[in-house]
Amino acid sequence: MLSETENELLTRVGPGTPGGELMRRYWHPVCGVEDLARNPLRTYEFKLLGEELVVYRDRSGSLGVVDKYCTHRRASLAYGIVESDGIRCQYHGWKFNAEGICVEQPFEDTVQPSGRFREKCPIQAYKAQELGGLIFIYMGPDPAPLLPNWGILTWAETVRDIAITRLPCNWLQAQENSLDPVHTEHLHDYASRYFTQVLAGEEPDFKRGRSHTDIDFDVFEHGVIKRRATSEHGKDHPQWTNGHSILFPNILWVGGGTMQWRVPADDTHTTHITLYAWRAAPGTKAPVQEVVPSREVELLAPDGTFRDLQVVFNQDYMCWATQGEIAKRDLEQLGRSDKGIQLYRKMLHEQMDLVRDGGEPSMNIFRDPEDNQGLEWPRIPFETGQLAGAPFRPRDGVFRYVPQESGYSRDADKIEATMATWVDFYNAEPREDTRTLAPVR
């Protein structure tokens, strides 16, 4: 267990906190490109690392990110006037460029043309980039590192879908789940069967499925590889030989095509963003997406209970949120199944210390473009029932889209068309390259 002081150190993300300063060294997704595009005002307001911000797309097509509140009278720039080269406050017309410089103050400029009042009124501004259908924000010191080109963000001939969930809890509760393989046999097998049967009005059969026989964790250049052996699959199975990747500081890369970011909105709220990617079989084409669909996942039912507990990720969300806004780690009792969590907490401490001592994190800070290419490695193979790491199940010999969390992709037809490209590939003789499409690094 951790002391209350240590728990505070690992969970607080506001400006000036050790955790907040560490997280500001990384790019974080805040919304889908579609989320911004669907607003005719060309703005999207959000909260990141305790700060209220607005991202906008100016009339020239460039992204800008500024503090939500105008420096004049604190009107919300979520309703600002987006022009060709910046955003103008709707209240009194003060205009700011993408660097946060106040470039116009209509009345002040009229009555005192030679004045320099504008120079005293900048607004906080940050950097933004888009990749893989997502908009990423960087809030740290200059020069900014490169936005990591994780394979799932850059693959060609790929159909993608984005799901965003607002969690009423600290980000670390979500990320620590990724270092906890044993929960899957209980939450996603035993409890999942129980939820499904009880919510359907059936009497539960209390059948137990697989059980874990061993787990292990290896630190690698981008984070941690977690491995599992179970009563169904031994150490010759890809669940052990390849494993799952936890990318520092707050990413889980599941299987072939699912990536989750646990983005700290503030100390007690997390924006959980899942990017699903369905890659066409080698030599085939995927349908063209004009924009990657982005949808909000409903967490609660009208009565305030957690909904869709038969669905895998909704089960996770329930467990993370019900630990409280910030889990009381000083009261927990850790066992041998928690060694991955202990390893990850140690890693967080080490990286925070590097930043506190005036350096930068040693993990996943890319400054050389050559180092920012080919960010892939062997992962769980494209197994039947989980094609390309995405939720597919064969029905009448055809793979159908089955969401892993509440809601349904608007591009389900394109997803299924992409998966249909794999039918001949899977019906052919087994080949070594079906185990992963990622190159060994």
Protein backbone atom coordinates (compact mmCIF):
# COMPACT_ATOMS: atom_id res chain seq x y z
CA MET A 1 0.00 0.00 0.00
CA LEU A 2 0.98 3.65 -0.35
CA SER A 3 0.91 6.38 2.29
CA GLU A 4 -1.58 9.20 1.84
CA THR A 5 1.33 11.48 0.89
CA GLU A 6 2.60 9.07 -1.77
CA ASN A 7 -0.92 8.66 -3.14
CA GLU A 8 -1.23 12.44 -3.47
CA LEU A 9 2.10 12.57 -5.28
CA LEU A 10 1.05 10.02 -7.91
CA THR A 11 -2.47 11.27 -8.52
CA ARG A 12 -2.44 15.09 -8.50
CA VAL A 13 -2.06 16.59 -11.99
CA GLY A 14 -2.53 20.35 -11.59
CA PRO A 15 0.16 22.93 -12.52
CA GLY A 16 3.21 22.69 -10.29
CA THR A 17 2.47 19.20 -8.94
CA PRO A 18 5.05 16.46 -9.64
CA GLY A 19 2.47 14.38 -11.51
CA GLY A 20 1.17 17.38 -13.42
CA GLU A 21 4.63 18.47 -14.50
CA LEU A 22 5.42 14.94 -15.69
CA MET A 23 2.18 14.61 -17.68
CA ARG A 24 2.76 18.02 -19.29
CA ARG A 25 5.80 16.57 -21.05
CA TYR A 26 3.54 14.38 -23.20
CA TRP A 27 0.98 14.86 -25.97
CA HIS A 28 -2.57 13.92 -24.93
CA PRO A 29 -5.66 13.33 -27.11
CA VAL A 30 -8.63 15.41 -26.02
CA CYS A 31 -11.27 14.75 -28.69
CA GLY A 32 -11.88 13.41 -32.16
CA VAL A 33 -11.43 15.56 -35.23
CA GLU A 34 -15.15 14.99 -35.78
CA ASP A 35 -16.00 16.37 -32.33
CA LEU A 36 -14.52 19.72 -33.33
CA ALA A 37 -15.92 19.61 -36.87
CA ARG A 38 -19.51 19.01 -35.79
CA ASN A 39 -19.68 22.36 -33.95
CA PRO A 40 -20.56 25.16 -36.42
CA LEU A 41 -18.72 27.58 -34.13
CA ARG A 42 -15.50 25.63 -34.88
CA THR A 43 -14.62 25.32 -31.18
CA TYR A 44 -14.48 22.48 -28.65
CA GLU A 45 -14.07 23.09 -24.92
CA PHE A 46 -12.38 20.58 -22.65
CA LYS A 47 -10.44 20.18 -19.45
CA LEU A 48 -6.88 18.80 -19.38
CA LEU A 49 -4.54 18.52 -16.39
CA GLY A 50 -6.78 20.80 -14.36
CA GLU A 51 -6.96 23.60 -16.95
CA GLU A 52 -10.09 24.70 -18.84
CA LEU A 53 -9.23 25.11 -22.52
CA VAL A 54 -10.72 25.62 -25.97
CA VAL A 55 -9.42 24.13 -29.21
CA TYR A 56 -10.49 25.80 -32.45
CA ARG A 57 -9.84 25.43 -36.16
CA ASP A 58 -9.27 28.80 -37.80
CA ARG A 59 -10.53 29.68 -41.27
CA SER A 60 -7.19 28.73 -42.81
CA GLY A 61 -7.55 25.19 -41.39
CA SER A 62 -4.96 25.46 -38.60
CA LEU A 63 -5.61 24.36 -35.02
CA GLY A 64 -5.25 26.62 -32.00
CA VAL A 65 -5.64 26.00 -28.26
CA VAL A 66 -6.21 28.78 -25.72
CA ASP A 67 -7.42 29.24 -22.18
CA LYS A 68 -11.19 29.06 -22.08
CA TYR A 69 -11.50 32.54 -20.56
CA CYS A 70 -10.67 35.82 -22.31
CA THR A 71 -8.11 37.89 -20.39
CA HIS A 72 -10.40 40.95 -20.56
CA ARG A 73 -13.63 40.15 -18.72
CA ARG A 74 -13.41 36.34 -18.59
CA ALA A 75 -16.00 35.57 -21.26
CA SER A 76 -15.83 32.00 -22.60
CA LEU A 77 -13.94 31.65 -25.87
CA ALA A 78 -15.91 28.49 -26.57
CA TYR A 79 -18.28 31.03 -28.15
CA GLY A 80 -15.51 33.12 -29.70
CA ILE A 81 -15.46 34.29 -33.31
CA VAL A 82 -13.03 32.09 -35.23
CA GLU A 83 -11.29 34.06 -37.96
CA SER A 84 -8.64 33.21 -40.54
CA ASP A 85 -5.72 33.62 -38.15
CA GLY A 86 -7.01 33.42 -34.58
CA ILE A 87 -10.00 33.69 -32.28
CA ARG A 88 -11.81 36.89 -31.26
CA CYS A 89 -13.77 37.23 -28.03
CA GLN A 90 -17.42 37.73 -28.81
CA TYR A 91 -17.86 40.08 -25.83
CA HIS A 92 -15.59 43.05 -26.64
CA GLY A 93 -13.66 41.90 -29.70
CA TRP A 94 -10.23 41.19 -28.25
CA LYS A 95 -8.43 38.89 -30.68
CA PHE A 96 -5.74 36.30 -29.92
CA ASN A 97 -3.51 34.38 -32.30
CA ALA A 98 -2.43 30.75 -31.95
CA GLU A 99 0.56 31.77 -29.79
CA GLY A 100 -1.76 33.50 -27.32
CA ILE A 101 -0.67 37.02 -28.28
CA CYS A 102 -3.40 39.64 -28.09
CA VAL A 103 -3.28 41.18 -31.58
CA GLU A 104 -6.35 43.42 -31.45
CA GLN A 105 -8.30 45.38 -28.83
CA PRO A 106 -10.76 47.41 -30.95
CA PHE A 107 -11.73 50.13 -28.46
CA GLU A 108 -8.33 50.40 -26.79
CA ASP A 109 -6.64 50.55 -30.20
CA THR A 110 -9.03 53.36 -31.23
CA VAL A 111 -8.63 55.63 -28.23
CA GLN A 112 -4.91 55.03 -27.74
CA PRO A 113 -3.40 53.89 -31.05
CA SER A 114 0.16 54.17 -29.77
CA GLY A 115 -0.54 52.32 -26.54
CA ARG A 116 1.02 48.96 -25.67
CA PHE A 117 -1.76 47.63 -23.50
CA ARG A 118 -2.13 44.57 -25.75
CA GLU A 119 1.32 43.37 -24.71
CA LYS A 120 0.09 43.04 -21.13
CA CYS A 121 -2.91 40.87 -22.07
CA PRO A 122 -1.73 37.58 -23.59
CA ILE A 123 -3.74 34.42 -23.11
CA GLN A 124 -2.39 30.98 -22.27
CA ALA A 125 -1.96 29.02 -25.50
CA TYR A 126 -0.78 25.49 -26.23
CA LYS A 127 0.18 23.38 -29.24
CA ALA A 128 -2.23 21.09 -31.08
CA GLN A 129 -1.86 18.43 -33.77
CA GLU A 130 -4.18 15.90 -35.37
CA LEU A 131 -3.33 12.30 -36.16
CA GLY A 132 -5.37 9.13 -36.66
CA GLY A 133 -8.67 11.03 -36.31
CA LEU A 134 -7.72 12.49 -32.91
CA ILE A 135 -6.65 15.97 -31.77
CA PHE A 136 -3.64 15.98 -29.45
CA ILE A 137 -2.52 18.78 -27.10
CA TYR A 138 0.91 19.51 -25.65
CA MET A 139 1.11 21.70 -22.52
CA GLY A 140 4.77 21.44 -21.56
CA PRO A 141 7.88 23.55 -22.05
CA ASP A 142 9.41 24.28 -25.44
CA PRO A 143 10.70 22.76 -27.55
CA ALA A 144 7.82 20.30 -27.76
CA PRO A 145 8.72 16.68 -28.48
CA LEU A 146 7.37 14.99 -31.58
CA LEU A 147 3.88 13.54 -31.42
CA PRO A 148 4.54 9.76 -31.24
CA ASN A 149 3.71 7.92 -34.45
CA TRP A 150 2.28 4.82 -32.79
CA GLY A 151 1.45 2.42 -35.60
CA ILE A 152 -2.27 2.41 -34.93
CA LEU A 153 -2.35 6.18 -35.62
CA THR A 154 -0.52 5.99 -38.93
CA TRP A 155 -1.52 2.73 -40.66
CA ALA A 156 -2.74 3.02 -44.23
CA GLU A 157 -5.76 1.03 -45.50
CA THR A 158 -7.39 1.19 -42.08
CA VAL A 159 -10.89 1.98 -40.81
CA ARG A 160 -11.03 3.64 -37.40
CA ASP A 161 -13.59 4.45 -34.73
CA ILE A 162 -13.31 6.58 -31.57
CA ALA A 163 -15.18 6.15 -28.28
CA ILE A 164 -14.90 8.72 -25.48
CA THR A 165 -15.98 8.09 -21.90
CA ARG A 166 -16.09 10.64 -19.07
CA LEU A 167 -15.02 8.89 -15.88
CA PRO A 168 -15.66 10.44 -12.44
CA CYS A 169 -12.34 9.27 -11.04
CA ASN A 170 -8.59 9.82 -11.15
CA TRP A 171 -6.69 8.65 -14.25
CA LEU A 172 -4.36 6.35 -12.28
CA GLN A 173 -7.21 3.99 -11.37
CA ALA A 174 -7.74 3.39 -15.07
CA GLN A 175 -4.08 2.97 -15.95
CA GLU A 176 -3.27 0.63 -13.06
CA ASN A 177 -5.94 -1.72 -14.40
CA SER A 178 -3.64 -2.34 -17.37
CA LEU A 179 -0.98 -3.74 -15.04
CA ASP A 180 -3.45 -6.18 -13.49
CA PRO A 181 -3.90 -9.27 -15.72
CA VAL A 182 -5.62 -11.37 -13.06
CA HIS A 183 -8.73 -9.16 -13.00
CA THR A 184 -9.69 -10.49 -16.44
CA GLU A 185 -10.54 -13.99 -15.24
CA HIS A 186 -12.84 -12.62 -12.56
CA LEU A 187 -14.32 -9.40 -13.95
CA HIS A 188 -14.43 -10.28 -17.65
CA ASP A 189 -15.13 -14.02 -17.32
CA TYR A 190 -16.87 -14.97 -14.09
CA ALA A 191 -18.57 -11.66 -13.25
CA SER A 192 -19.33 -10.98 -16.93
CA ARG A 193 -21.24 -14.27 -17.20
CA TYR A 194 -23.02 -13.46 -13.94
CA PHE A 195 -24.05 -9.97 -15.10
CA THR A 196 -25.26 -11.32 -18.45
CA GLN A 197 -27.39 -14.04 -16.89
CA VAL A 198 -28.84 -12.00 -14.02
CA LEU A 199 -29.68 -8.98 -16.16
CA ALA A 200 -31.45 -11.31 -18.60
CA GLY A 201 -33.60 -12.60 -15.75
CA GLU A 202 -31.83 -15.96 -15.61
CA GLU A 203 -30.55 -17.86 -12.62
CA PRO A 204 -26.71 -17.64 -12.61
CA ASP A 205 -24.87 -20.90 -13.14
CA PHE A 206 -21.75 -19.75 -11.20
CA LYS A 207 -19.48 -21.55 -13.64
CA ARG A 208 -15.80 -20.67 -13.42
CA GLY A 209 -13.75 -20.37 -16.57
CA ARG A 210 -10.02 -19.99 -17.05
CA SER A 211 -7.69 -19.29 -14.14
CA HIS A 212 -4.28 -17.66 -14.17
CA THR A 213 -1.28 -19.85 -13.41
CA ASP A 214 1.44 -17.20 -13.81
CA ILE A 215 1.95 -13.54 -14.71
CA ASP A 216 5.06 -11.54 -15.47
CA PHE A 217 6.11 -8.03 -16.53
CA ASP A 218 9.07 -6.79 -18.54
CA VAL A 219 10.15 -3.18 -18.78
CA PHE A 220 10.97 -2.23 -22.38
CA GLU A 221 11.88 1.04 -24.08
CA HIS A 222 8.28 2.28 -24.30
CA GLY A 223 6.80 0.99 -21.04
CA VAL A 224 5.85 -2.46 -19.77
CA ILE A 225 4.95 -5.75 -21.45
CA LYS A 226 2.55 -7.81 -19.35
CA ARG A 227 2.35 -11.57 -19.85
CA ARG A 228 -0.11 -14.18 -18.67
CA ALA A 229 -0.36 -17.96 -18.58
CA THR A 230 -3.72 -19.52 -17.79
CA SER A 231 -5.38 -22.89 -17.42
CA GLU A 232 -6.35 -22.55 -21.11
CA HIS A 233 -3.10 -21.21 -22.56
CA GLY A 234 0.41 -21.92 -21.35
CA LYS A 235 3.67 -20.08 -21.86
CA ASP A 236 3.87 -21.09 -25.51
CA HIS A 237 0.82 -18.92 -26.26
CA PRO A 238 1.11 -15.31 -27.54
CA GLN A 239 -0.54 -14.10 -24.34
CA TRP A 240 2.84 -14.93 -22.79
CA THR A 241 5.33 -14.82 -25.66
CA ASN A 242 4.06 -11.51 -27.11
CA GLY A 243 2.02 -10.04 -24.29
CA HIS A 244 0.23 -6.70 -24.05
CA SER A 245 1.92 -3.29 -24.17
CA ILE A 246 1.48 -0.56 -21.58
CA LEU A 247 2.97 2.59 -23.05
CA PHE A 248 4.23 5.16 -20.57
CA PRO A 249 2.67 7.18 -19.12
CA ASN A 250 -1.04 6.50 -19.75
CA ILE A 251 -1.66 4.25 -22.78
CA LEU A 252 -2.71 0.62 -23.24
CA TRP A 253 -2.25 -0.97 -26.65
CA VAL A 254 -4.53 -4.01 -26.76
CA GLY A 255 -4.00 -6.71 -29.35
CA GLY A 256 -3.65 -5.62 -32.95
CA GLY A 257 -5.90 -2.58 -33.16
CA THR A 258 -7.18 -1.03 -29.93
CA MET A 259 -5.42 1.81 -28.12
CA GLN A 260 -6.69 3.44 -24.94
CA TRP A 261 -5.55 6.76 -23.47
CA ARG A 262 -6.39 7.54 -19.83
CA VAL A 263 -6.28 11.34 -20.08
CA PRO A 264 -6.38 13.29 -16.78
CA ALA A 265 -9.00 16.02 -17.04
CA ASP A 266 -8.27 16.99 -13.44
CA ASP A 267 -7.55 15.20 -10.18
CA THR A 268 -10.94 13.51 -10.01
CA HIS A 269 -12.03 13.16 -13.66
CA THR A 270 -10.63 11.22 -16.59
CA THR A 271 -11.33 11.51 -20.30
CA HIS A 272 -10.99 7.92 -21.47
CA ILE A 273 -10.37 7.75 -25.22
CA THR A 274 -10.38 4.48 -27.14
CA LEU A 275 -9.22 4.32 -30.74
CA TYR A 276 -10.25 1.19 -32.61
CA ALA A 277 -8.48 0.38 -35.87
CA TRP A 278 -9.41 -2.31 -38.39
CA ARG A 279 -6.60 -2.90 -40.87
CA ALA A 280 -7.31 -4.42 -44.27
CA ALA A 281 -5.61 -7.72 -45.14
CA PRO A 282 -2.30 -7.45 -47.01
CA GLY A 283 -2.81 -6.52 -50.66
CA THR A 284 -6.39 -5.31 -50.14
CA LYS A 285 -8.05 -1.92 -49.69
CA ALA A 286 -10.10 -0.52 -46.82
CA PRO A 287 -13.13 1.72 -47.45
CA VAL A 288 -12.35 5.44 -47.37
CA GLN A 289 -13.47 7.41 -44.31
CA GLU A 290 -14.00 11.14 -44.82
CA VAL A 291 -13.70 11.56 -41.06
CA VAL A 292 -13.18 9.08 -38.24
CA PRO A 293 -16.47 8.72 -36.29
CA SER A 294 -16.31 9.81 -32.66
CA ARG A 295 -18.99 8.96 -30.11
CA GLU A 296 -19.61 9.52 -26.42
CA VAL A 297 -20.08 6.37 -24.36
CA GLU A 298 -22.92 6.54 -21.87
CA LEU A 299 -21.66 5.42 -18.49
CA LEU A 300 -24.79 5.46 -16.34
CA ALA A 301 -28.38 4.35 -16.73
CA PRO A 302 -31.21 6.84 -15.90
CA ASP A 303 -31.38 5.45 -12.35
CA GLY A 304 -27.68 6.25 -11.76
CA THR A 305 -26.40 2.67 -11.90
CA PHE A 306 -23.66 1.58 -14.28
CA ARG A 307 -25.12 0.40 -17.56
CA ASP A 308 -24.29 -2.43 -19.96
CA LEU A 309 -22.33 -4.53 -17.46
CA GLN A 310 -22.34 -7.38 -19.98
CA VAL A 311 -19.87 -5.37 -22.09
CA VAL A 312 -16.13 -5.66 -21.42
CA PHE A 313 -15.00 -2.04 -21.18
CA ASN A 314 -18.13 -0.97 -19.29
CA GLN A 315 -17.15 -3.53 -16.65
CA ASP A 316 -13.75 -1.84 -16.34
CA TYR A 317 -15.28 1.63 -16.12
CA MET A 318 -17.56 0.49 -13.31
CA CYS A 319 -14.69 -0.92 -11.26
CA TRP A 320 -12.46 2.14 -11.74
CA ALA A 321 -15.16 4.66 -10.89
CA THR A 322 -16.50 2.78 -7.87
CA GLN A 323 -13.10 2.98 -6.18
CA GLY A 324 -13.99 6.63 -5.50
CA GLU A 325 -12.77 9.89 -6.99
CA ILE A 326 -9.22 9.06 -5.85
CA ALA A 327 -8.70 5.51 -4.62
CA LYS A 328 -7.51 5.30 -1.02
CA ARG A 329 -4.33 3.40 -1.70
CA ASP A 330 -3.27 3.74 1.94
CA LEU A 331 -6.06 1.27 2.77
CA GLU A 332 -5.40 -1.33 0.06
CA GLN A 333 -3.84 -4.76 0.66
CA LEU A 334 -1.65 -5.76 -2.28
CA GLY A 335 -0.86 -9.38 -3.09
CA ARG A 336 1.40 -11.20 -5.52
CA SER A 337 -1.03 -10.51 -8.36
CA ASP A 338 -0.27 -6.80 -7.94
CA LYS A 339 3.44 -6.84 -8.80
CA GLY A 340 2.78 -5.11 -12.10
CA ILE A 341 1.04 -2.24 -10.30
CA GLN A 342 3.96 -1.91 -7.91
CA LEU A 343 6.37 -1.88 -10.86
CA TYR A 344 4.39 0.85 -12.61
CA ARG A 345 4.22 3.05 -9.49
CA LYS A 346 7.99 2.77 -9.17
CA MET A 347 8.32 3.82 -12.82
CA LEU A 348 6.12 6.86 -12.21
CA HIS A 349 8.31 7.90 -9.27
CA GLU A 350 11.47 7.54 -11.36
CA GLN A 351 10.15 9.64 -14.22
CA MET A 352 8.78 12.32 -11.88
CA ASP A 353 12.21 12.58 -10.28
CA LEU A 354 13.84 13.19 -13.67
CA VAL A 355 11.48 16.11 -14.31
CA ARG A 356 11.83 17.48 -10.79
CA ASP A 357 15.62 17.51 -11.20
CA GLY A 358 15.35 19.67 -14.32
CA GLY A 359 15.50 16.93 -16.95
CA GLU A 360 12.85 15.31 -19.11
CA PRO A 361 11.31 11.84 -18.98
CA SER A 362 13.43 9.04 -20.42
CA MET A 363 10.44 7.21 -21.92
CA ASN A 364 8.54 8.09 -25.11
CA ILE A 365 9.97 11.55 -25.62
CA PHE A 366 10.82 11.62 -29.33
CA ARG A 367 12.92 14.40 -30.83
CA ASP A 368 14.61 12.66 -33.76
CA PRO A 369 12.15 11.89 -36.60
CA GLU A 370 13.99 8.63 -37.33
CA ASP A 371 13.30 7.44 -33.78
CA ASN A 372 9.64 8.30 -34.24
CA GLN A 373 9.03 5.79 -37.03
CA GLY A 374 8.08 2.11 -36.87
CA LEU A 375 6.71 2.34 -33.34
CA GLU A 376 5.43 -1.23 -33.33
CA TRP A 377 6.49 -4.61 -31.95
CA PRO A 378 5.03 -8.14 -31.70
CA ARG A 379 1.67 -8.16 -29.95
CA ILE A 380 -1.20 -10.59 -29.47
CA PRO A 381 -1.91 -12.12 -32.92
CA PHE A 382 -4.99 -11.56 -35.01
CA GLU A 383 -6.90 -14.47 -33.57
CA THR A 384 -10.27 -15.74 -34.71
CA GLY A 385 -12.88 -13.78 -32.77
CA GLN A 386 -10.58 -10.79 -32.38
CA LEU A 387 -9.53 -9.88 -35.88
CA ALA A 388 -6.99 -7.06 -35.99
CA GLY A 389 -7.35 -6.73 -32.25
CA ALA A 390 -10.88 -5.43 -32.68
CA PRO A 391 -14.15 -6.96 -31.48
CA PHE A 392 -15.37 -9.35 -34.17
CA ARG A 393 -17.16 -12.63 -33.80
CA PRO A 394 -18.02 -15.12 -36.54
CA ARG A 395 -21.74 -15.55 -37.17
CA ASP A 396 -22.74 -17.95 -39.93
CA GLY A 397 -19.16 -17.87 -41.13
CA VAL A 398 -19.11 -14.05 -41.36
CA PHE A 399 -17.33 -11.70 -39.00
CA ARG A 400 -19.67 -9.10 -37.49
CA TYR A 401 -18.89 -5.92 -35.64
CA VAL A 402 -19.50 -6.29 -31.89
CA PRO A 403 -18.67 -3.14 -29.84
CA GLN A 404 -16.57 -3.60 -26.71
CA GLU A 405 -18.34 -0.72 -24.95
CA SER A 406 -21.74 0.97 -25.06
CA GLY A 407 -22.77 2.47 -28.38
CA TYR A 408 -22.29 1.55 -32.01
CA SER A 409 -20.01 2.88 -34.71
CA ARG A 410 -21.58 4.90 -37.48
CA ASP A 411 -19.14 3.18 -39.85
CA ALA A 412 -20.05 -0.38 -38.90
CA ASP A 413 -20.57 -1.23 -42.58
CA LYS A 414 -17.04 -0.04 -43.42
CA ILE A 415 -15.63 -1.96 -40.47
CA GLU A 416 -17.28 -5.18 -41.63
CA ALA A 417 -16.16 -4.59 -45.20
CA THR A 418 -12.58 -4.24 -43.96
CA MET A 419 -12.81 -7.43 -41.94
CA ALA A 420 -14.22 -9.27 -44.95
CA THR A 421 -10.83 -8.75 -46.61
CA TRP A 422 -9.40 -11.24 -44.10
CA VAL A 423 -11.70 -14.16 -44.92
CA ASP A 424 -9.47 -15.68 -47.60
CA PHE A 425 -6.40 -14.93 -45.52
CA TYR A 426 -7.79 -16.89 -42.57
CA ASN A 427 -9.04 -19.75 -44.67
CA ALA A 428 -5.60 -20.25 -46.16
CA GLU A 429 -2.91 -22.41 -44.59
CA PRO A 430 -1.56 -20.96 -41.30
CA ARG A 431 1.34 -18.60 -41.92
CA GLU A 432 3.82 -17.14 -39.49
CA ASP A 433 2.90 -13.55 -40.37
CA THR A 434 -0.65 -14.08 -39.11
CA ARG A 435 0.77 -13.78 -35.61
CA THR A 436 1.42 -10.07 -35.95
CA LEU A 437 1.57 -7.40 -38.63
CA ALA A 438 4.06 -5.42 -36.57
CA PRO A 439 7.79 -5.58 -37.33
CA VAL A 440 10.18 -6.67 -34.62
CA ARG A 441 12.20 -3.74 -33.29
